[in-house]
Amino acid sequence: MSRGPIFDRSVELSWLDEALRLRREGHADARQKLEVWMRDRVESAGGRKKTMTVLTRIWLDPPEPASEMVSWASTDAPPLDDTRVLHIGAMLATHGFFGRVCALVGRQLGLEGTVHTEDLCIGLRKAWGDREVVDVGVRSVIRTLRGLRVLSGRAGSSESARGEQIEVPPRLSPWLAHALTLSRGAAELDARDLSDSAEFFMLEIPLLRPDGYPLGDVFTEGGGRVVFRPKQKVDPRRGTRQPSLPGIKAVP
């Protein structure tokens, strides 16, 4: 997946839940319904427009190649009392910037136990360009992670620490592996990379194993290496199987 847009507006859990609810109910005018609902949450028309762009990309109109896995999460994922797992996976799959910030946060927390927003801005500017919007995006991701309670920090402070750890149902492990391959632009993922991933610093992910997830395969290579690989898509126009990720050769 290409880097995509900057995650330039923070989003709250209730907003994500509403977008997911509308997606699940299959409203043809889901975006319009969400925008009306958001009018009482974000008064500024400009701010609401930017927030809608972020929310729409996550749940209502995700980019290729994340569209199928987002659809699966909205219709076939196991019932959850805690929807944060779904939102985090969907945000990683649809916003490369979100995943990059999470990766830096996870690494810094592992090294020092805390993370400073200014340091993240410096790191992201190296990869995404020396632009003010990058700083805006980093702060938006941090506010979103704090709102999801997976980071903690005092209001107005640039220092954040670990928040709550979320236990992941086993059936969602392959889906999260799919999200991580999309976020990284990878063709496949070693199971060890999933459980140790910096991006998912807030998740307790069980062992990756085949469980009927239709959009990817889990298999064991020589030496016992367990790998997740997204399935390829069939292109009806060409009669060939096209890769669901850049860099994978099509199979005739």
C-alpha atoms as a PDB file:
ATOM      1  CA  MET A   1       0.000   0.000   0.000  1.00  0.00           C
ATOM      2  CA  SER A   2       1.231   3.508  -0.721  1.00  0.00           C
ATOM      3  CA  ARG A   3       1.828   5.823   2.172  1.00  0.00           C
ATOM      4  CA  GLY A   4      -1.544   7.477   1.693  1.00  0.00           C
ATOM      5  CA  PRO A   5      -2.775  10.601   3.451  1.00  0.00           C
ATOM      6  CA  ILE A   6      -1.644  12.024   6.769  1.00  0.00           C
ATOM      7  CA  PHE A   7      -3.876  11.037   9.694  1.00  0.00           C
ATOM      8  CA  ASP A   8      -4.521  14.699  10.423  1.00  0.00           C
ATOM      9  CA  ARG A   9      -7.555  14.573  12.750  1.00  0.00           C
ATOM     10  CA  SER A  10      -7.943  12.689  16.013  1.00  0.00           C
ATOM     11  CA  VAL A  11     -11.014  10.462  16.286  1.00  0.00           C
ATOM     12  CA  GLU A  12     -12.918   9.287  19.338  1.00  0.00           C
ATOM     13  CA  LEU A  13     -14.084   5.771  20.143  1.00  0.00           C
ATOM     14  CA  SER A  14     -17.767   6.699  19.935  1.00  0.00           C
ATOM     15  CA  TRP A  15     -17.226   8.180  16.461  1.00  0.00           C
ATOM     16  CA  LEU A  16     -15.477   5.032  15.273  1.00  0.00           C
ATOM     17  CA  ASP A  17     -18.259   2.912  16.758  1.00  0.00           C
ATOM     18  CA  GLU A  18     -20.901   4.933  14.935  1.00  0.00           C
ATOM     19  CA  ALA A  19     -19.056   4.614  11.612  1.00  0.00           C
ATOM     20  CA  LEU A  20     -18.749   0.854  12.156  1.00  0.00           C
ATOM     21  CA  ARG A  21     -22.430   0.587  13.069  1.00  0.00           C
ATOM     22  CA  LEU A  22     -23.477   2.345   9.868  1.00  0.00           C
ATOM     23  CA  ARG A  23     -21.168   0.109   7.833  1.00  0.00           C
ATOM     24  CA  ARG A  24     -22.660  -2.999   9.437  1.00  0.00           C
ATOM     25  CA  GLU A  25     -26.197  -1.861   8.756  1.00  0.00           C
ATOM     26  CA  GLY A  26     -25.379  -1.322   5.085  1.00  0.00           C
ATOM     27  CA  HIS A  27     -26.846   2.153   4.657  1.00  0.00           C
ATOM     28  CA  ALA A  28     -26.402   3.437   1.109  1.00  0.00           C
ATOM     29  CA  ASP A  29     -26.224   6.953   2.535  1.00  0.00           C
ATOM     30  CA  ALA A  30     -23.968   5.987   5.451  1.00  0.00           C
ATOM     31  CA  ARG A  31     -21.590   8.888   4.896  1.00  0.00           C
ATOM     32  CA  GLN A  32     -24.440  11.423   4.957  1.00  0.00           C
ATOM     33  CA  LYS A  33     -25.906   9.847   8.090  1.00  0.00           C
ATOM     34  CA  LEU A  34     -22.543   9.943   9.818  1.00  0.00           C
ATOM     35  CA  GLU A  35     -21.987  13.573   8.853  1.00  0.00           C
ATOM     36  CA  VAL A  36     -25.373  14.572  10.327  1.00  0.00           C
ATOM     37  CA  TRP A  37     -24.553  12.616  13.491  1.00  0.00           C
ATOM     38  CA  MET A  38     -21.163  14.337  13.726  1.00  0.00           C
ATOM     39  CA  ARG A  39     -22.632  17.845  13.641  1.00  0.00           C
ATOM     40  CA  ASP A  40     -23.276  17.711  17.389  1.00  0.00           C
ATOM     41  CA  ARG A  41     -19.742  16.405  18.036  1.00  0.00           C
ATOM     42  CA  VAL A  42     -17.612  18.694  15.865  1.00  0.00           C
ATOM     43  CA  GLU A  43     -19.051  22.188  15.450  1.00  0.00           C
ATOM     44  CA  SER A  44     -16.508  23.544  12.976  1.00  0.00           C
ATOM     45  CA  ALA A  45     -17.475  22.726   9.403  1.00  0.00           C
ATOM     46  CA  GLY A  46     -13.824  22.565   8.373  1.00  0.00           C
ATOM     47  CA  GLY A  47     -12.875  20.343  11.285  1.00  0.00           C
ATOM     48  CA  ARG A  48     -15.872  18.107  10.704  1.00  0.00           C
ATOM     49  CA  LYS A  49     -14.958  17.695   7.031  1.00  0.00           C
ATOM     50  CA  LYS A  50     -11.434  16.555   7.912  1.00  0.00           C
ATOM     51  CA  THR A  51     -12.742  14.222  10.609  1.00  0.00           C
ATOM     52  CA  MET A  52     -15.236  12.738   8.161  1.00  0.00           C
ATOM     53  CA  THR A  53     -12.429  12.100   5.683  1.00  0.00           C
ATOM     54  CA  VAL A  54     -10.534  10.064   8.286  1.00  0.00           C
ATOM     55  CA  LEU A  55     -13.589   8.118   9.491  1.00  0.00           C
ATOM     56  CA  THR A  56     -14.824   7.422   5.960  1.00  0.00           C
ATOM     57  CA  ARG A  57     -11.467   6.000   4.906  1.00  0.00           C
ATOM     58  CA  ILE A  58     -11.436   3.674   7.943  1.00  0.00           C
ATOM     59  CA  TRP A  59     -14.913   2.115   7.746  1.00  0.00           C
ATOM     60  CA  LEU A  60     -17.161   3.494   5.012  1.00  0.00           C
ATOM     61  CA  ASP A  61     -14.948   3.712   1.937  1.00  0.00           C
ATOM     62  CA  PRO A  62     -11.569   2.090   2.644  1.00  0.00           C
ATOM     63  CA  PRO A  63      -8.898   2.111  -0.061  1.00  0.00           C
ATOM     64  CA  GLU A  64      -7.773  -0.900  -2.030  1.00  0.00           C
ATOM     65  CA  PRO A  65      -6.375  -3.345  -1.057  1.00  0.00           C
ATOM     66  CA  ALA A  66      -7.900  -2.911   2.431  1.00  0.00           C
ATOM     67  CA  SER A  67     -11.541  -2.916   1.317  1.00  0.00           C
ATOM     68  CA  GLU A  68     -12.159  -6.669   1.620  1.00  0.00           C
ATOM     69  CA  MET A  69     -10.539  -7.078   5.024  1.00  0.00           C
ATOM     70  CA  VAL A  70     -12.430  -4.061   6.384  1.00  0.00           C
ATOM     71  CA  SER A  71     -15.645  -5.533   5.001  1.00  0.00           C
ATOM     72  CA  TRP A  72     -14.887  -8.862   6.714  1.00  0.00           C
ATOM     73  CA  ALA A  73     -14.328  -7.092  10.035  1.00  0.00           C
ATOM     74  CA  SER A  74     -17.669  -5.302   9.747  1.00  0.00           C
ATOM     75  CA  THR A  75     -19.706  -8.386   8.862  1.00  0.00           C
ATOM     76  CA  ASP A  76     -17.918 -11.588   9.899  1.00  0.00           C
ATOM     77  CA  ALA A  77     -15.699 -10.734  12.860  1.00  0.00           C
ATOM     78  CA  PRO A  78     -16.719 -12.418  16.135  1.00  0.00           C
ATOM     79  CA  PRO A  79     -18.978 -10.364  18.438  1.00  0.00           C
ATOM     80  CA  LEU A  80     -16.911  -8.149  20.705  1.00  0.00           C
ATOM     81  CA  ASP A  81     -17.712  -6.211  23.832  1.00  0.00           C
ATOM     82  CA  ASP A  82     -14.573  -4.167  23.153  1.00  0.00           C
ATOM     83  CA  THR A  83     -14.485  -2.837  19.589  1.00  0.00           C
ATOM     84  CA  ARG A  84     -11.096  -1.179  19.968  1.00  0.00           C
ATOM     85  CA  VAL A  85      -9.342  -4.181  18.413  1.00  0.00           C
ATOM     86  CA  LEU A  86     -11.320  -3.744  15.203  1.00  0.00           C
ATOM     87  CA  HIS A  87     -10.741   0.004  15.063  1.00  0.00           C
ATOM     88  CA  ILE A  88      -6.991  -0.301  15.634  1.00  0.00           C
ATOM     89  CA  GLY A  89      -6.653  -2.963  12.940  1.00  0.00           C
ATOM     90  CA  ALA A  90      -8.747  -0.968  10.477  1.00  0.00           C
ATOM     91  CA  MET A  91      -6.795   2.226  11.119  1.00  0.00           C
ATOM     92  CA  LEU A  92      -3.489   0.421  10.509  1.00  0.00           C
ATOM     93  CA  ALA A  93      -4.789  -1.151   7.299  1.00  0.00           C
ATOM     94  CA  THR A  94      -6.190   2.085   5.849  1.00  0.00           C
ATOM     95  CA  HIS A  95      -3.732   4.704   7.109  1.00  0.00           C
ATOM     96  CA  GLY A  96      -0.051   3.999   6.626  1.00  0.00           C
ATOM     97  CA  PHE A  97       0.761   7.095   8.666  1.00  0.00           C
ATOM     98  CA  PHE A  98      -1.150   5.739  11.668  1.00  0.00           C
ATOM     99  CA  GLY A  99       0.817   2.502  11.487  1.00  0.00           C
ATOM    100  CA  ARG A 100       4.135   4.317  11.235  1.00  0.00           C
ATOM    101  CA  VAL A 101       3.400   6.387  14.338  1.00  0.00           C
ATOM    102  CA  CYS A 102       2.277   3.293  16.262  1.00  0.00           C
ATOM    103  CA  ALA A 103       5.505   1.531  15.303  1.00  0.00           C
ATOM    104  CA  LEU A 104       7.628   4.388  16.638  1.00  0.00           C
ATOM    105  CA  VAL A 105       5.521   4.577  19.801  1.00  0.00           C
ATOM    106  CA  GLY A 106       5.850   0.846  20.418  1.00  0.00           C
ATOM    107  CA  ARG A 107       9.617   0.860  19.964  1.00  0.00           C
ATOM    108  CA  GLN A 108      10.093   3.870  22.227  1.00  0.00           C
ATOM    109  CA  LEU A 109       7.863   2.409  24.932  1.00  0.00           C
ATOM    110  CA  GLY A 110       9.861  -0.808  24.786  1.00  0.00           C
ATOM    111  CA  LEU A 111      13.128   1.064  25.227  1.00  0.00           C
ATOM    112  CA  GLU A 112      12.206   3.736  27.756  1.00  0.00           C
ATOM    113  CA  GLY A 113       8.687   3.083  29.027  1.00  0.00           C
ATOM    114  CA  THR A 114       7.509   6.507  27.878  1.00  0.00           C
ATOM    115  CA  VAL A 115       7.323   8.374  24.598  1.00  0.00           C
ATOM    116  CA  HIS A 116       7.517  12.088  23.761  1.00  0.00           C
ATOM    117  CA  THR A 117       5.443  13.580  20.967  1.00  0.00           C
ATOM    118  CA  GLU A 118       8.288  15.880  19.860  1.00  0.00           C
ATOM    119  CA  ASP A 119      10.577  12.902  19.275  1.00  0.00           C
ATOM    120  CA  LEU A 120       7.882  11.224  17.185  1.00  0.00           C
ATOM    121  CA  CYS A 121       7.484  14.351  15.064  1.00  0.00           C
ATOM    122  CA  ILE A 122      11.217  14.363  14.335  1.00  0.00           C
ATOM    123  CA  GLY A 123      11.136  10.701  13.354  1.00  0.00           C
ATOM    124  CA  LEU A 124       8.099  11.060  11.105  1.00  0.00           C
ATOM    125  CA  ARG A 125       9.430  14.156   9.366  1.00  0.00           C
ATOM    126  CA  LYS A 126      12.407  12.120   8.199  1.00  0.00           C
ATOM    127  CA  ALA A 127      10.106   9.681   6.419  1.00  0.00           C
ATOM    128  CA  TRP A 128       7.131  11.854   5.433  1.00  0.00           C
ATOM    129  CA  GLY A 129       8.782  15.191   4.733  1.00  0.00           C
ATOM    130  CA  ASP A 130       9.680  18.266   6.740  1.00  0.00           C
ATOM    131  CA  ARG A 131       6.146  19.652   6.845  1.00  0.00           C
ATOM    132  CA  GLU A 132       3.983  21.073   9.601  1.00  0.00           C
ATOM    133  CA  VAL A 133       1.121  18.733   8.662  1.00  0.00           C
ATOM    134  CA  VAL A 134       3.311  15.809   9.775  1.00  0.00           C
ATOM    135  CA  ASP A 135       3.416  17.257  13.295  1.00  0.00           C
ATOM    136  CA  VAL A 136      -0.363  17.729  13.173  1.00  0.00           C
ATOM    137  CA  GLY A 137      -0.749  14.100  12.143  1.00  0.00           C
ATOM    138  CA  VAL A 138       1.490  12.781  14.921  1.00  0.00           C
ATOM    139  CA  ARG A 139      -0.441  14.713  17.556  1.00  0.00           C
ATOM    140  CA  SER A 140      -3.726  13.469  16.078  1.00  0.00           C
ATOM    141  CA  VAL A 141      -2.598   9.849  16.337  1.00  0.00           C
ATOM    142  CA  ILE A 142      -1.409  10.341  19.922  1.00  0.00           C
ATOM    143  CA  ARG A 143      -4.719  11.948  20.924  1.00  0.00           C
ATOM    144  CA  THR A 144      -6.576   9.077  19.249  1.00  0.00           C
ATOM    145  CA  LEU A 145      -4.494   6.469  21.093  1.00  0.00           C
ATOM    146  CA  ARG A 146      -5.049   8.288  24.386  1.00  0.00           C
ATOM    147  CA  GLY A 147      -8.771   8.443  23.675  1.00  0.00           C
ATOM    148  CA  LEU A 148      -8.729   4.682  23.126  1.00  0.00           C
ATOM    149  CA  ARG A 149      -6.957   4.418  26.513  1.00  0.00           C
ATOM    150  CA  VAL A 150      -4.036   2.450  25.084  1.00  0.00           C
ATOM    151  CA  LEU A 151      -1.761   5.401  25.871  1.00  0.00           C
ATOM    152  CA  SER A 152      -1.957   7.471  29.031  1.00  0.00           C
ATOM    153  CA  GLY A 153      -0.800  11.016  29.671  1.00  0.00           C
ATOM    154  CA  ARG A 154      -1.735  14.266  31.350  1.00  0.00           C
ATOM    155  CA  ALA A 155      -3.708  16.759  29.303  1.00  0.00           C
ATOM    156  CA  GLY A 156      -1.286  19.210  27.724  1.00  0.00           C
ATOM    157  CA  SER A 157       1.738  16.981  28.346  1.00  0.00           C
ATOM    158  CA  SER A 158       3.815  15.660  25.449  1.00  0.00           C
ATOM    159  CA  GLU A 159       4.836  12.590  27.457  1.00  0.00           C
ATOM    160  CA  SER A 160       2.780   9.413  27.143  1.00  0.00           C
ATOM    161  CA  ALA A 161       3.048   6.026  28.817  1.00  0.00           C
ATOM    162  CA  ARG A 162       1.469   2.627  28.257  1.00  0.00           C
ATOM    163  CA  GLY A 163      -2.233   2.438  28.830  1.00  0.00           C
ATOM    164  CA  GLU A 164      -4.573  -0.526  28.797  1.00  0.00           C
ATOM    165  CA  GLN A 165      -3.651  -3.818  27.150  1.00  0.00           C
ATOM    166  CA  ILE A 166      -6.404  -5.333  25.015  1.00  0.00           C
ATOM    167  CA  GLU A 167      -6.818  -9.106  24.797  1.00  0.00           C
ATOM    168  CA  VAL A 168      -7.443 -10.273  21.228  1.00  0.00           C
ATOM    169  CA  PRO A 169      -9.804 -13.185  20.431  1.00  0.00           C
ATOM    170  CA  PRO A 170      -7.900 -15.981  18.600  1.00  0.00           C
ATOM    171  CA  ARG A 171     -10.090 -15.688  15.500  1.00  0.00           C
ATOM    172  CA  LEU A 172      -8.869 -12.135  14.932  1.00  0.00           C
ATOM    173  CA  SER A 173      -5.159 -12.999  14.834  1.00  0.00           C
ATOM    174  CA  PRO A 174      -5.060 -13.644  11.036  1.00  0.00           C
ATOM    175  CA  TRP A 175      -7.082 -10.492  10.412  1.00  0.00           C
ATOM    176  CA  LEU A 176      -4.607  -8.446  12.436  1.00  0.00           C
ATOM    177  CA  ALA A 177      -1.770 -10.096  10.512  1.00  0.00           C
ATOM    178  CA  HIS A 178      -3.502  -8.965   7.324  1.00  0.00           C
ATOM    179  CA  ALA A 179      -3.762  -5.421   8.689  1.00  0.00           C
ATOM    180  CA  LEU A 180      -0.067  -5.415   9.532  1.00  0.00           C
ATOM    181  CA  THR A 181       0.992  -6.607   6.079  1.00  0.00           C
ATOM    182  CA  LEU A 182      -1.071  -3.810   4.540  1.00  0.00           C
ATOM    183  CA  SER A 183       0.363  -1.221   6.904  1.00  0.00           C
ATOM    184  CA  ARG A 184       3.921  -2.307   6.141  1.00  0.00           C
ATOM    185  CA  GLY A 185       3.341  -2.968   2.440  1.00  0.00           C
ATOM    186  CA  ALA A 186       4.644  -6.524   2.950  1.00  0.00           C
ATOM    187  CA  ALA A 187       3.906  -9.643   0.895  1.00  0.00           C
ATOM    188  CA  GLU A 188       3.777 -11.891   3.960  1.00  0.00           C
ATOM    189  CA  LEU A 189       4.270 -11.841   7.709  1.00  0.00           C
ATOM    190  CA  ASP A 190       6.176 -14.114  10.053  1.00  0.00           C
ATOM    191  CA  ALA A 191       3.985 -15.104  12.999  1.00  0.00           C
ATOM    192  CA  ARG A 192       6.711 -13.929  15.366  1.00  0.00           C
ATOM    193  CA  ASP A 193       6.557 -10.470  13.813  1.00  0.00           C
ATOM    194  CA  LEU A 194       2.864 -10.291  14.652  1.00  0.00           C
ATOM    195  CA  SER A 195       3.211 -11.144  18.336  1.00  0.00           C
ATOM    196  CA  ASP A 196       6.275  -8.908  18.705  1.00  0.00           C
ATOM    197  CA  SER A 197       5.144  -6.062  16.470  1.00  0.00           C
ATOM    198  CA  ALA A 198       5.772  -2.557  17.719  1.00  0.00           C
ATOM    199  CA  GLU A 199       2.616  -1.372  15.933  1.00  0.00           C
ATOM    200  CA  PHE A 200       0.426  -3.572  18.150  1.00  0.00           C
ATOM    201  CA  PHE A 201       2.076  -2.579  21.416  1.00  0.00           C
ATOM    202  CA  MET A 202      -1.388  -2.290  22.963  1.00  0.00           C
ATOM    203  CA  LEU A 203      -2.646  -5.763  22.018  1.00  0.00           C
ATOM    204  CA  GLU A 204      -2.192  -9.195  23.562  1.00  0.00           C
ATOM    205  CA  ILE A 205      -2.326 -11.345  20.419  1.00  0.00           C
ATOM    206  CA  PRO A 206      -2.637 -15.146  20.662  1.00  0.00           C
ATOM    207  CA  LEU A 207      -0.641 -17.523  18.503  1.00  0.00           C
ATOM    208  CA  LEU A 208      -1.358 -17.260  14.799  1.00  0.00           C
ATOM    209  CA  ARG A 209      -3.043 -20.382  13.430  1.00  0.00           C
ATOM    210  CA  PRO A 210      -5.415 -21.310  10.587  1.00  0.00           C
ATOM    211  CA  ASP A 211      -9.002 -20.628  11.617  1.00  0.00           C
ATOM    212  CA  GLY A 212     -10.962 -20.134   8.431  1.00  0.00           C
ATOM    213  CA  TYR A 213     -10.074 -16.492   7.768  1.00  0.00           C
ATOM    214  CA  PRO A 214     -10.977 -16.264   4.066  1.00  0.00           C
ATOM    215  CA  LEU A 215      -8.617 -13.493   2.983  1.00  0.00           C
ATOM    216  CA  GLY A 216      -5.308 -15.040   3.937  1.00  0.00           C
ATOM    217  CA  ASP A 217      -3.500 -18.319   4.536  1.00  0.00           C
ATOM    218  CA  VAL A 218      -1.478 -19.431   7.531  1.00  0.00           C
ATOM    219  CA  PHE A 219       1.079 -22.114   6.753  1.00  0.00           C
ATOM    220  CA  THR A 220       4.268 -23.605   8.134  1.00  0.00           C
ATOM    221  CA  GLU A 221       7.494 -23.461   6.154  1.00  0.00           C
ATOM    222  CA  GLY A 222      10.572 -25.583   6.596  1.00  0.00           C
ATOM    223  CA  GLY A 223      12.122 -25.183  10.002  1.00  0.00           C
ATOM    224  CA  GLY A 224       8.736 -24.574  11.600  1.00  0.00           C
ATOM    225  CA  ARG A 225       8.433 -20.942  10.500  1.00  0.00           C
ATOM    226  CA  VAL A 226       4.734 -19.956  10.591  1.00  0.00           C
ATOM    227  CA  VAL A 227       3.753 -17.410   7.948  1.00  0.00           C
ATOM    228  CA  PHE A 228       0.636 -15.415   7.071  1.00  0.00           C
ATOM    229  CA  ARG A 229       0.130 -14.497   3.428  1.00  0.00           C
ATOM    230  CA  PRO A 230      -2.833 -12.499   2.065  1.00  0.00           C
ATOM    231  CA  LYS A 231      -4.725 -14.275  -0.677  1.00  0.00           C
ATOM    232  CA  GLN A 232      -4.543 -12.954  -4.210  1.00  0.00           C
ATOM    233  CA  LYS A 233      -7.569 -11.536  -5.960  1.00  0.00           C
ATOM    234  CA  VAL A 234      -9.013 -12.731  -9.236  1.00  0.00           C
ATOM    235  CA  ASP A 235      -9.206 -10.024 -11.893  1.00  0.00           C
ATOM    236  CA  PRO A 236     -12.205 -11.011 -14.090  1.00  0.00           C
ATOM    237  CA  ARG A 237     -11.109  -8.657 -16.851  1.00  0.00           C
ATOM    238  CA  ARG A 238      -7.802 -10.425 -17.359  1.00  0.00           C
ATOM    239  CA  GLY A 239      -8.617 -13.899 -16.124  1.00  0.00           C
ATOM    240  CA  THR A 240      -5.597 -13.894 -13.871  1.00  0.00           C
ATOM    241  CA  ARG A 241      -5.023 -13.807 -10.159  1.00  0.00           C
ATOM    242  CA  GLN A 242      -3.856 -10.362  -9.198  1.00  0.00           C
ATOM    243  CA  PRO A 243      -1.882  -9.602  -6.044  1.00  0.00           C
ATOM    244  CA  SER A 244      -3.674  -8.068  -3.089  1.00  0.00           C
ATOM    245  CA  LEU A 245      -0.438  -6.305  -2.223  1.00  0.00           C
ATOM    246  CA  PRO A 246       2.081  -4.436  -4.367  1.00  0.00           C
ATOM    247  CA  GLY A 247       5.184  -6.405  -5.209  1.00  0.00           C
ATOM    248  CA  ILE A 248       3.587  -9.876  -5.425  1.00  0.00           C
ATOM    249  CA  LYS A 249       3.767 -11.415  -8.873  1.00  0.00           C
ATOM    250  CA  ALA A 250       0.457 -12.429 -10.396  1.00  0.00           C
ATOM    251  CA  VAL A 251      -0.114 -16.161 -10.784  1.00  0.00           C
ATOM    252  CA  PRO A 252      -1.653 -17.213 -14.120  1.00  0.00           C
END
